[in-house]
Amino acid sequence: MEPKVTHGYTLVSNVPFRAVCEVIRDVVDQEATVAAAGGMFPAPILVSLENHCDSAGQRRLVEIMHEVWEDRLLSTPIRPNDDTHVTLEELGGKIAVMVEYHLPEEKDSSSSSSSSSSSSSDSSDDEQKKAKAEYKAKKRRHPRSSYQSLHSLPKDGPPFHLINVSETGLSSHMADHAAKISRHNARHLLRVYPKGMRISSRNLSPIPFWGVGAQICALNWQTFGASMQLNDALFAGTPGYVLKPAALRRDGSGVLSQDAPRRILRLTVAGASNVPLPSGRSSNDLRPYVTCSLLQPRDDGGLAKVKRKTAVYRRHSLPFLSDDGPGPTDPVWNETLEWEFDDNELVFVRMLIKSDDSWSANPVLAVAANETKSAASITWNAKK
């Protein structure tokens, strides 16, 4: 039986592992072509495997990855016999696989809701003994005594040290240990995955985890909600990698607000044109207004969110007069929204055009999200 990729305990059907690898291969080739055309180096792609295969299934996974990815797969050390960090340039357009290692006699745990692979076959006792011996030898080379949990993160672990943690698991420590977690993440990878209760396609909020230096926040791409909009804003105009704020880098304090300058953001909302109509609505039914939120991580691991909004657009200031201005799909506000904040380099603005409906939830007509450093250039996305 060929390995397949599933989506936890959701109602989503499975996909052949080979098919997933083929899509990743095609994306790698496309990215390499685009990078070469732009005179840039291709960036690596990190693939996280939540592996639930037995030994035979794992061998098949390796065979498929080698067959499909060929020399794109990072299968040998970049710097042999050297435990120092490698650079993105050295990795180039390689595919780097991240996978947790468990002792052969460990029971399988599938509490996460992220993707997994499965196959059927039994491993032999000899294979288990060999794997256990290799694991013990690896532990002797890189002692784990300095890391038992998020309460005692390693200071001098190997560069390939990686933590996979759920949003609830990490959130429970962030209030008291945010700076410590940030300093750890300046040297090692941390991947945050959605809590197990997210059986739909709702996403975790990535900003608090970016605020403690988490490099990877696992998001479902099925729904273009607030989390995906903010993710797009973070990586817009980049090759897929963004330099962390100085406080979260190797020599940083781990505290975002430290030495952050106090700034004022003034956003002039002039108007909009061709605002999309919801299905079954006429333009005369709309009462458009703009709501705008400034979002940034707090030092305690939380999310700071301050909302401002414009007045509801009317074609005339006097309600008994009509047809004296642009229609509701071309509203004009000419209002200025203002915020004062500590610029910790992870500050986002999310804007929505909504309709002020009387007896129902106000529908979202268009959305846009930007970092404050690029807020002068805004692209609206029609809400479908």
Protein backbone atom coordinates (compact mmCIF):
# COMPACT_ATOMS: atom_id res chain seq x y z
CA MET A 1 0.00 0.00 0.00
CA GLU A 2 1.34 3.42 -0.96
CA PRO A 3 1.62 6.07 1.78
CA LYS A 4 -1.13 8.65 1.89
CA VAL A 5 -1.48 12.08 3.45
CA THR A 6 -4.47 12.70 5.71
CA HIS A 7 -5.73 15.76 7.59
CA GLY A 8 -6.06 14.66 11.19
CA TYR A 9 -9.58 13.97 12.42
CA THR A 10 -11.29 16.17 9.85
CA LEU A 11 -13.68 15.09 7.11
CA VAL A 12 -11.10 15.80 4.39
CA SER A 13 -10.22 12.85 2.14
CA ASN A 14 -6.65 11.57 1.78
CA VAL A 15 -4.12 12.35 -0.96
CA PRO A 16 -1.33 10.03 -2.21
CA PHE A 17 2.02 11.03 -0.72
CA ARG A 18 3.60 10.83 -4.18
CA ALA A 19 1.08 13.35 -5.56
CA VAL A 20 1.93 15.79 -2.77
CA CYS A 21 5.65 15.39 -3.50
CA GLU A 22 5.05 16.05 -7.19
CA VAL A 23 3.26 19.32 -6.42
CA ILE A 24 6.10 20.40 -4.11
CA ARG A 25 8.64 19.55 -6.84
CA ASP A 26 6.76 21.67 -9.37
CA VAL A 27 6.59 24.61 -6.95
CA VAL A 28 10.34 24.35 -6.27
CA ASP A 29 11.07 24.45 -10.00
CA GLN A 30 8.74 27.42 -10.54
CA GLU A 31 10.32 29.34 -7.65
CA ALA A 32 13.81 28.62 -8.97
CA THR A 33 12.84 29.94 -12.42
CA VAL A 34 11.34 33.13 -10.97
CA ALA A 35 14.38 33.68 -8.73
CA ALA A 36 16.81 33.23 -11.62
CA ALA A 37 14.85 35.67 -13.79
CA GLY A 38 15.00 38.26 -11.02
CA GLY A 39 18.70 37.79 -10.31
CA MET A 40 18.00 36.33 -6.86
CA PHE A 41 19.03 33.09 -5.21
CA PRO A 42 16.27 30.46 -4.85
CA ALA A 43 15.03 30.02 -1.29
CA PRO A 44 14.72 26.59 0.38
CA ILE A 45 11.38 24.96 1.10
CA LEU A 46 10.84 23.31 4.49
CA VAL A 47 8.56 20.26 4.52
CA SER A 48 7.23 19.13 7.90
CA LEU A 49 6.17 15.47 8.09
CA GLU A 50 3.99 14.24 10.92
CA ASN A 51 4.95 10.64 10.39
CA HIS A 52 2.68 7.78 11.50
CA CYS A 53 4.20 5.12 9.23
CA ASP A 54 5.88 1.94 10.43
CA SER A 55 9.43 1.13 9.30
CA ALA A 56 8.34 -0.28 5.92
CA GLY A 57 6.15 2.75 5.27
CA GLN A 58 8.98 5.08 6.24
CA ARG A 59 11.33 3.38 3.79
CA ARG A 60 8.71 3.90 1.10
CA LEU A 61 8.41 7.58 2.03
CA VAL A 62 12.16 7.97 1.56
CA GLU A 63 12.09 6.13 -1.76
CA ILE A 64 9.29 8.36 -3.08
CA MET A 65 11.02 11.56 -1.96
CA HIS A 66 14.25 10.51 -3.69
CA GLU A 67 12.40 9.41 -6.83
CA VAL A 68 10.31 12.57 -7.18
CA TRP A 69 12.61 15.26 -5.81
CA GLU A 70 15.95 13.81 -6.96
CA ASP A 71 18.76 16.30 -6.31
CA ARG A 72 16.31 18.89 -5.02
CA LEU A 73 16.15 16.95 -1.73
CA LEU A 74 18.63 18.00 0.94
CA SER A 75 19.97 14.55 1.83
CA THR A 76 23.57 15.27 2.87
CA PRO A 77 25.02 17.83 5.31
CA ILE A 78 25.79 21.25 3.83
CA ARG A 79 28.80 21.48 6.13
CA PRO A 80 30.03 17.97 7.00
CA ASN A 81 31.36 17.61 10.56
CA ASP A 82 30.32 21.18 11.34
CA ASP A 83 27.41 21.93 13.68
CA THR A 84 27.24 25.67 12.95
CA HIS A 85 24.22 27.25 11.29
CA VAL A 86 24.06 27.29 7.51
CA THR A 87 22.82 30.26 5.50
CA LEU A 88 19.85 30.51 3.15
CA GLU A 89 22.29 30.98 0.27
CA GLU A 90 23.96 27.67 1.13
CA LEU A 91 20.63 25.87 1.23
CA GLY A 92 19.60 27.39 -2.10
CA GLY A 93 16.49 25.89 -3.67
CA LYS A 94 16.72 22.63 -1.74
CA ILE A 95 13.84 20.83 -0.04
CA ALA A 96 14.63 20.32 3.65
CA VAL A 97 12.53 17.70 5.45
CA MET A 98 11.64 18.18 9.12
CA VAL A 99 10.48 15.10 10.98
CA GLU A 100 10.22 14.08 14.63
CA TYR A 101 12.14 11.01 15.74
CA HIS A 102 10.61 8.56 18.21
CA LEU A 103 12.05 5.41 19.74
CA PRO A 104 10.75 2.29 17.94
CA GLU A 105 8.85 1.06 21.02
CA GLU A 106 7.11 4.41 21.58
CA LYS A 107 3.36 4.43 21.10
CA ASP A 108 2.11 6.51 18.21
CA SER A 109 0.50 9.80 19.17
CA SER A 110 -1.78 11.49 16.67
CA SER A 111 -3.22 14.31 18.75
CA SER A 112 -2.28 16.95 16.19
CA SER A 113 -4.69 18.00 13.49
CA SER A 114 -2.00 18.59 10.88
CA SER A 115 -1.18 16.35 7.94
CA SER A 116 0.18 12.83 8.45
CA SER A 117 1.27 9.83 6.42
CA SER A 118 0.22 6.22 6.87
CA SER A 119 1.04 2.80 5.46
CA SER A 120 0.73 -0.83 6.53
CA SER A 121 3.50 -3.31 7.41
CA ASP A 122 5.38 -4.51 10.51
CA SER A 123 8.94 -3.60 11.49
CA SER A 124 11.40 -6.26 12.56
CA ASP A 125 13.06 -6.54 15.97
CA ASP A 126 16.49 -6.06 14.38
CA GLU A 127 15.43 -2.78 12.82
CA GLN A 128 14.10 -1.57 16.17
CA LYS A 129 17.34 -2.45 17.97
CA LYS A 130 19.44 -0.75 15.30
CA ALA A 131 17.31 2.40 15.36
CA LYS A 132 17.42 2.52 19.16
CA ALA A 133 21.21 2.19 19.17
CA GLU A 134 21.58 4.99 16.62
CA TYR A 135 19.26 7.21 18.64
CA LYS A 136 21.23 6.63 21.86
CA ALA A 137 24.48 7.43 20.06
CA LYS A 138 22.96 10.65 18.76
CA LYS A 139 21.85 11.61 22.29
CA ARG A 140 25.41 11.11 23.56
CA ARG A 141 26.73 13.48 20.89
CA HIS A 142 24.10 16.11 21.70
CA PRO A 143 23.01 15.74 25.36
CA ARG A 144 19.42 16.70 26.00
CA SER A 145 19.80 17.42 29.71
CA SER A 146 19.40 21.16 29.14
CA TYR A 147 15.99 20.66 27.51
CA GLN A 148 13.16 18.83 29.15
CA SER A 149 10.27 21.11 28.26
CA LEU A 150 9.45 24.68 27.38
CA HIS A 151 10.35 25.50 30.99
CA SER A 152 14.04 24.73 30.32
CA LEU A 153 14.83 25.54 26.71
CA PRO A 154 18.32 24.59 25.46
CA LYS A 155 20.94 27.30 25.23
CA ASP A 156 23.55 25.33 23.29
CA GLY A 157 21.62 22.64 21.45
CA PRO A 158 22.52 21.52 17.93
CA PRO A 159 21.38 23.81 15.08
CA PHE A 160 18.91 21.20 13.84
CA HIS A 161 17.06 21.21 17.17
CA LEU A 162 13.35 21.79 16.43
CA ILE A 163 10.25 22.11 18.58
CA ASN A 164 6.78 21.30 17.24
CA VAL A 165 4.17 22.66 19.63
CA SER A 166 0.44 23.33 19.51
CA GLU A 167 -0.90 26.86 19.81
CA THR A 168 -2.42 26.05 23.20
CA GLY A 169 0.78 24.41 24.45
CA LEU A 170 2.89 27.42 23.53
CA SER A 171 0.32 30.03 24.59
CA SER A 172 0.22 28.59 28.11
CA HIS A 173 3.91 29.51 28.56
CA MET A 174 4.09 32.82 26.72
CA ALA A 175 2.73 35.07 29.48
CA ASP A 176 5.58 34.12 31.85
CA HIS A 177 8.34 33.05 29.45
CA ALA A 178 7.92 35.10 26.24
CA ALA A 179 11.44 36.58 26.29
CA LYS A 180 13.00 33.20 27.05
CA ILE A 181 11.11 31.57 24.19
CA SER A 182 12.15 34.41 21.87
CA ARG A 183 15.83 33.96 22.73
CA HIS A 184 15.54 30.22 22.09
CA ASN A 185 13.93 30.89 18.71
CA ALA A 186 16.81 33.17 17.74
CA ARG A 187 18.93 30.01 17.45
CA HIS A 188 16.49 27.21 16.70
CA LEU A 189 13.35 26.50 14.71
CA LEU A 190 9.93 26.46 16.30
CA ARG A 191 6.79 25.37 14.47
CA VAL A 192 3.33 26.15 15.87
CA TYR A 193 0.41 24.02 14.71
CA PRO A 194 -3.34 24.52 15.32
CA LYS A 195 -4.96 23.12 18.44
CA GLY A 196 -6.74 19.81 18.02
CA MET A 197 -10.18 21.37 18.41
CA ARG A 198 -9.80 23.22 15.11
CA ILE A 199 -11.44 20.49 13.04
CA SER A 200 -12.72 23.06 10.54
CA SER A 201 -10.43 25.24 8.42
CA ARG A 202 -10.31 28.08 10.98
CA ASN A 203 -6.78 29.28 11.57
CA LEU A 204 -4.75 30.22 14.61
CA SER A 205 -3.76 33.87 15.00
CA PRO A 206 -0.09 34.03 13.93
CA ILE A 207 0.88 37.49 15.23
CA PRO A 208 1.46 36.52 18.91
CA PHE A 209 3.67 33.61 17.79
CA TRP A 210 5.62 35.78 15.36
CA GLY A 211 6.12 38.06 18.36
CA VAL A 212 8.14 35.36 20.16
CA GLY A 213 10.14 34.50 17.04
CA ALA A 214 8.28 31.40 15.83
CA GLN A 215 9.50 30.81 12.30
CA ILE A 216 6.63 28.59 11.18
CA CYS A 217 2.92 29.00 11.91
CA ALA A 218 0.93 26.22 10.25
CA LEU A 219 -2.09 27.73 8.47
CA ASN A 220 -4.84 26.21 6.38
CA TRP A 221 -4.96 27.86 2.97
CA GLN A 222 -8.58 26.84 2.32
CA THR A 223 -10.00 29.96 3.94
CA PHE A 224 -8.79 33.49 3.18
CA GLY A 225 -9.62 34.77 6.65
CA ALA A 226 -7.84 37.28 8.87
CA SER A 227 -4.90 34.96 9.59
CA MET A 228 -4.16 34.29 5.92
CA GLN A 229 -4.60 37.99 5.11
CA LEU A 230 -2.01 38.92 7.76
CA ASN A 231 0.29 36.14 6.56
CA ASP A 232 0.09 37.58 3.04
CA ALA A 233 0.86 41.03 4.46
CA LEU A 234 3.99 39.79 6.24
CA PHE A 235 5.46 38.10 3.18
CA ALA A 236 4.20 40.46 0.45
CA GLY A 237 6.98 41.49 -1.93
CA THR A 238 9.49 39.01 -0.49
CA PRO A 239 10.95 35.73 -1.82
CA GLY A 240 9.29 33.90 1.09
CA TYR A 241 11.63 34.76 3.95
CA VAL A 242 11.43 37.84 6.20
CA LEU A 243 14.13 39.08 8.56
CA LYS A 244 12.95 39.13 12.17
CA PRO A 245 12.89 42.35 14.21
CA ALA A 246 16.27 43.07 15.79
CA ALA A 247 15.02 42.16 19.29
CA LEU A 248 14.22 38.61 18.13
CA ARG A 249 17.54 37.92 16.43
CA ARG A 250 20.59 36.19 17.89
CA ASP A 251 21.95 39.17 19.81
CA GLY A 252 18.53 40.60 20.69
CA SER A 253 16.90 40.93 24.08
CA GLY A 254 13.85 38.86 23.17
CA VAL A 255 11.62 41.78 24.22
CA LEU A 256 9.97 43.46 21.24
CA SER A 257 9.00 46.71 22.95
CA GLN A 258 12.50 47.37 24.27
CA ASP A 259 13.86 50.51 22.58
CA ALA A 260 10.85 50.53 20.22
CA PRO A 261 10.14 54.12 19.11
CA ARG A 262 6.74 55.64 19.80
CA ARG A 263 4.95 56.47 16.56
CA ILE A 264 1.69 57.93 15.31
CA LEU A 265 -0.05 56.44 12.29
CA ARG A 266 -2.54 58.64 10.46
CA LEU A 267 -4.54 56.88 7.79
CA THR A 268 -6.63 58.99 5.45
CA VAL A 269 -9.64 57.10 4.14
CA ALA A 270 -10.57 59.07 1.04
CA GLY A 271 -13.04 56.71 -0.57
CA ALA A 272 -13.48 53.62 -2.68
CA SER A 273 -14.67 52.71 -6.14
CA ASN A 274 -16.48 49.71 -7.54
CA VAL A 275 -17.20 48.19 -4.14
CA PRO A 276 -18.44 44.65 -4.89
CA LEU A 277 -22.07 43.89 -4.17
CA PRO A 278 -23.06 40.82 -2.15
CA SER A 279 -25.09 38.29 -4.07
CA GLY A 280 -28.74 39.33 -4.34
CA ARG A 281 -28.14 42.89 -3.16
CA SER A 282 -28.66 46.15 -5.03
CA SER A 283 -26.37 49.14 -4.62
CA ASN A 284 -29.13 51.17 -2.96
CA ASP A 285 -29.21 48.62 -0.13
CA LEU A 286 -25.60 49.29 0.89
CA ARG A 287 -24.56 51.56 3.75
CA PRO A 288 -20.76 51.24 3.45
CA TYR A 289 -18.21 52.15 6.08
CA VAL A 290 -14.57 51.26 6.77
CA THR A 291 -13.37 49.55 9.92
CA CYS A 292 -9.63 49.44 10.48
CA SER A 293 -7.64 47.59 13.15
CA LEU A 294 -4.01 48.06 14.16
CA LEU A 295 -2.59 44.75 15.38
CA GLN A 296 0.74 43.86 16.99
CA PRO A 297 2.15 41.32 19.47
CA ARG A 298 2.39 42.23 23.14
CA ASP A 299 5.44 41.46 25.28
CA ASP A 300 3.41 38.99 27.33
CA GLY A 301 2.62 36.91 24.25
CA GLY A 302 -0.83 38.35 23.64
CA LEU A 303 -2.31 40.31 20.76
CA ALA A 304 -2.87 44.07 20.91
CA LYS A 305 -5.75 45.19 18.68
CA VAL A 306 -7.03 48.76 18.44
CA LYS A 307 -9.98 49.41 16.11
CA ARG A 308 -11.06 52.61 14.41
CA LYS A 309 -13.87 53.15 11.90
CA THR A 310 -15.36 55.77 9.63
CA ALA A 311 -18.90 57.02 9.58
CA VAL A 312 -21.43 55.23 7.41
CA TYR A 313 -21.43 56.74 3.93
CA ARG A 314 -24.55 58.58 2.83
CA ARG A 315 -25.03 60.26 -0.52
CA HIS A 316 -26.12 63.39 1.31
CA SER A 317 -25.65 64.55 4.89
CA LEU A 318 -29.39 65.15 5.15
CA PRO A 319 -31.25 61.84 5.04
CA PHE A 320 -34.32 63.24 3.26
CA LEU A 321 -32.14 64.33 0.31
CA SER A 322 -30.84 61.79 -2.19
CA ASP A 323 -29.00 61.41 -5.49
CA ASP A 324 -26.60 64.19 -4.51
CA GLY A 325 -23.31 62.31 -4.61
CA PRO A 326 -21.58 59.12 -5.70
CA GLY A 327 -23.52 55.91 -5.24
CA PRO A 328 -22.90 53.45 -2.39
CA THR A 329 -20.48 51.41 -4.54
CA ASP A 330 -18.29 54.52 -4.97
CA PRO A 331 -18.35 55.99 -1.45
CA VAL A 332 -16.39 59.04 -0.32
CA TRP A 333 -15.45 59.48 3.36
CA ASN A 334 -12.45 61.84 3.53
CA GLU A 335 -11.81 60.88 7.15
CA THR A 336 -8.53 60.39 9.02
CA LEU A 337 -8.04 57.51 11.45
CA GLU A 338 -5.21 57.75 13.97
CA TRP A 339 -3.25 55.41 16.27
CA GLU A 340 -0.32 55.90 18.64
CA PHE A 341 1.81 52.80 19.20
CA ASP A 342 5.26 51.35 19.97
CA ASP A 343 6.78 50.37 16.63
CA ASN A 344 8.12 46.88 17.34
CA GLU A 345 8.49 46.08 13.60
CA LEU A 346 5.54 43.66 13.64
CA VAL A 347 2.67 46.11 13.31
CA PHE A 348 -0.17 45.42 10.89
CA VAL A 349 -3.20 47.30 9.66
CA ARG A 350 -6.26 45.32 8.57
CA MET A 351 -9.06 47.19 6.81
CA LEU A 352 -12.55 46.07 5.90
CA ILE A 353 -15.31 47.74 3.94
CA LYS A 354 -18.60 46.63 5.47
CA SER A 355 -22.27 47.52 5.14
CA ASP A 356 -24.15 48.81 8.17
CA ASP A 357 -27.16 46.50 7.91
CA SER A 358 -29.97 46.94 10.40
CA TRP A 359 -31.17 43.45 11.27
CA SER A 360 -28.27 41.15 10.39
CA ALA A 361 -24.52 40.77 10.72
CA ASN A 362 -22.75 43.47 8.73
CA PRO A 363 -21.37 41.80 5.57
CA VAL A 364 -17.72 42.27 4.59
CA LEU A 365 -17.46 43.68 1.06
CA ALA A 366 -13.68 44.03 0.68
CA VAL A 367 -10.56 43.44 2.79
CA ALA A 368 -6.94 44.58 2.83
CA ALA A 369 -4.02 43.93 5.18
CA ASN A 370 -0.58 45.55 5.26
CA GLU A 371 2.34 46.06 7.57
CA THR A 372 2.47 49.68 8.72
CA LYS A 373 5.79 50.17 6.94
CA SER A 374 4.04 49.48 3.63
CA ALA A 375 0.58 50.84 4.44
CA ALA A 376 0.94 53.55 1.79
CA SER A 377 0.38 50.88 -0.85
CA ILE A 378 -2.90 49.04 -0.28
CA THR A 379 -4.50 46.37 -2.43
CA TRP A 380 -8.14 45.58 -1.73
CA ASN A 381 -9.47 42.05 -2.11
CA ALA A 382 -13.14 41.52 -2.87
CA LYS A 383 -14.84 39.38 -0.23
CA LYS A 384 -16.52 36.43 -1.92
